[in-house]
Amino acid sequence: MTKATALFWLTVAGWVALAIPPVFYAGVSLVLSVRGGFDLMGGLTALAMLAAVGAGAYRYWRRDAREAWILLGLSWAPLMLTLMWGVFGKA
């Protein structure tokens, strides 16, 4: 295995590791929005997060790593906003 190939697979592993929290958050959010009384915006946000991760995985498979990382960053946005609201927001 060459250094370039090893570096590519290392970045793929990093991308997959960073894709797990948004997918988990979106899955839980989607289940709660459907089962806990239908929450349209929560469901749409969860679907958008899952779509961003799925599109990023597809772009990585098509060897467009830059766009895959951008889409992964977009999938983290609702999660980060929720965490910031939970830490600094007033209930």
Protein backbone atom coordinates (compact mmCIF):
# COMPACT_ATOMS: atom_id res chain seq x y z
CA MET A 1 0.00 0.00 0.00
CA THR A 2 1.42 3.37 -0.96
CA LYS A 3 1.41 6.39 1.32
CA ALA A 4 -1.25 8.08 -0.79
CA THR A 5 -3.55 5.07 -0.54
CA ALA A 6 -3.00 4.80 3.20
CA LEU A 7 -3.75 8.51 3.63
CA PHE A 8 -6.90 8.18 1.53
CA TRP A 9 -8.23 5.31 3.67
CA LEU A 10 -7.29 7.18 6.84
CA THR A 11 -9.37 10.15 5.73
CA VAL A 12 -12.23 7.83 4.80
CA ALA A 13 -12.12 6.33 8.29
CA GLY A 14 -12.07 9.82 9.80
CA TRP A 15 -15.03 10.86 7.67
CA VAL A 16 -17.00 7.80 8.74
CA ALA A 17 -16.17 8.40 12.42
CA LEU A 18 -17.32 12.01 12.16
CA ALA A 19 -20.50 10.97 10.32
CA ILE A 20 -21.73 8.77 13.18
CA PRO A 21 -22.96 11.54 15.59
CA PRO A 22 -25.09 13.39 13.00
CA VAL A 23 -26.62 10.13 11.78
CA PHE A 24 -27.39 9.04 15.35
CA TYR A 25 -28.83 12.47 16.22
CA ALA A 26 -30.92 12.56 13.05
CA GLY A 27 -32.20 9.05 13.64
CA VAL A 28 -33.25 9.80 17.21
CA SER A 29 -34.76 13.13 16.15
CA LEU A 30 -36.71 11.49 13.34
CA VAL A 31 -38.09 8.78 15.62
CA LEU A 32 -39.06 11.32 18.29
CA SER A 33 -40.66 13.65 15.77
CA VAL A 34 -42.84 10.87 14.39
CA ARG A 35 -43.67 8.97 17.59
CA GLY A 36 -43.98 11.91 19.99
CA GLY A 37 -46.66 13.76 18.11
CA PHE A 38 -45.72 14.73 14.59
CA ASP A 39 -43.10 17.52 14.58
CA LEU A 40 -42.71 18.66 10.99
CA MET A 41 -39.58 20.80 11.41
CA GLY A 42 -37.81 18.18 13.52
CA GLY A 43 -38.57 15.53 10.92
CA LEU A 44 -37.46 17.72 8.03
CA THR A 45 -34.25 18.67 9.83
CA ALA A 46 -33.49 15.02 10.51
CA LEU A 47 -34.13 14.11 6.88
CA ALA A 48 -31.89 16.97 5.72
CA MET A 49 -29.09 15.77 8.00
CA LEU A 50 -29.42 12.21 6.74
CA ALA A 51 -29.49 13.46 3.16
CA ALA A 52 -26.32 15.51 3.70
CA VAL A 53 -24.46 12.52 5.15
CA GLY A 54 -25.73 10.24 2.39
CA ALA A 55 -24.79 12.72 -0.33
CA GLY A 56 -21.37 13.17 1.26
CA ALA A 57 -20.81 9.42 1.30
CA TYR A 58 -21.79 9.26 -2.35
CA ARG A 59 -19.41 12.10 -3.21
CA TYR A 60 -16.61 10.33 -1.33
CA TRP A 61 -17.37 7.15 -3.28
CA ARG A 62 -17.12 9.20 -6.50
CA ARG A 63 -13.68 10.46 -5.29
CA ASP A 64 -14.75 14.05 -4.60
CA ALA A 65 -13.41 14.37 -1.06
CA ARG A 66 -13.71 18.14 -0.78
CA GLU A 67 -17.44 18.17 -1.40
CA ALA A 68 -17.88 15.17 0.91
CA TRP A 69 -16.25 17.05 3.79
CA ILE A 70 -18.36 20.15 3.07
CA LEU A 71 -21.55 18.07 3.17
CA LEU A 72 -20.42 16.44 6.41
CA GLY A 73 -19.90 19.88 7.91
CA LEU A 74 -23.41 20.88 6.83
CA SER A 75 -24.82 17.79 8.51
CA TRP A 76 -23.16 18.86 11.79
CA ALA A 77 -24.81 22.33 11.73
CA PRO A 78 -28.19 21.40 13.34
CA LEU A 79 -26.43 19.29 15.94
CA MET A 80 -24.09 22.14 16.89
CA LEU A 81 -26.95 24.65 16.98
CA THR A 82 -28.91 22.35 19.29
CA LEU A 83 -25.91 21.91 21.57
CA MET A 84 -25.23 25.65 21.67
CA TRP A 85 -28.88 26.36 22.43
CA GLY A 86 -28.83 23.75 25.19
CA VAL A 87 -25.69 25.20 26.78
CA PHE A 88 -26.31 28.93 26.37
CA GLY A 89 -30.06 29.15 25.76
CA LYS A 90 -32.65 30.14 28.31
CA ALA A 91 -35.42 27.67 28.98
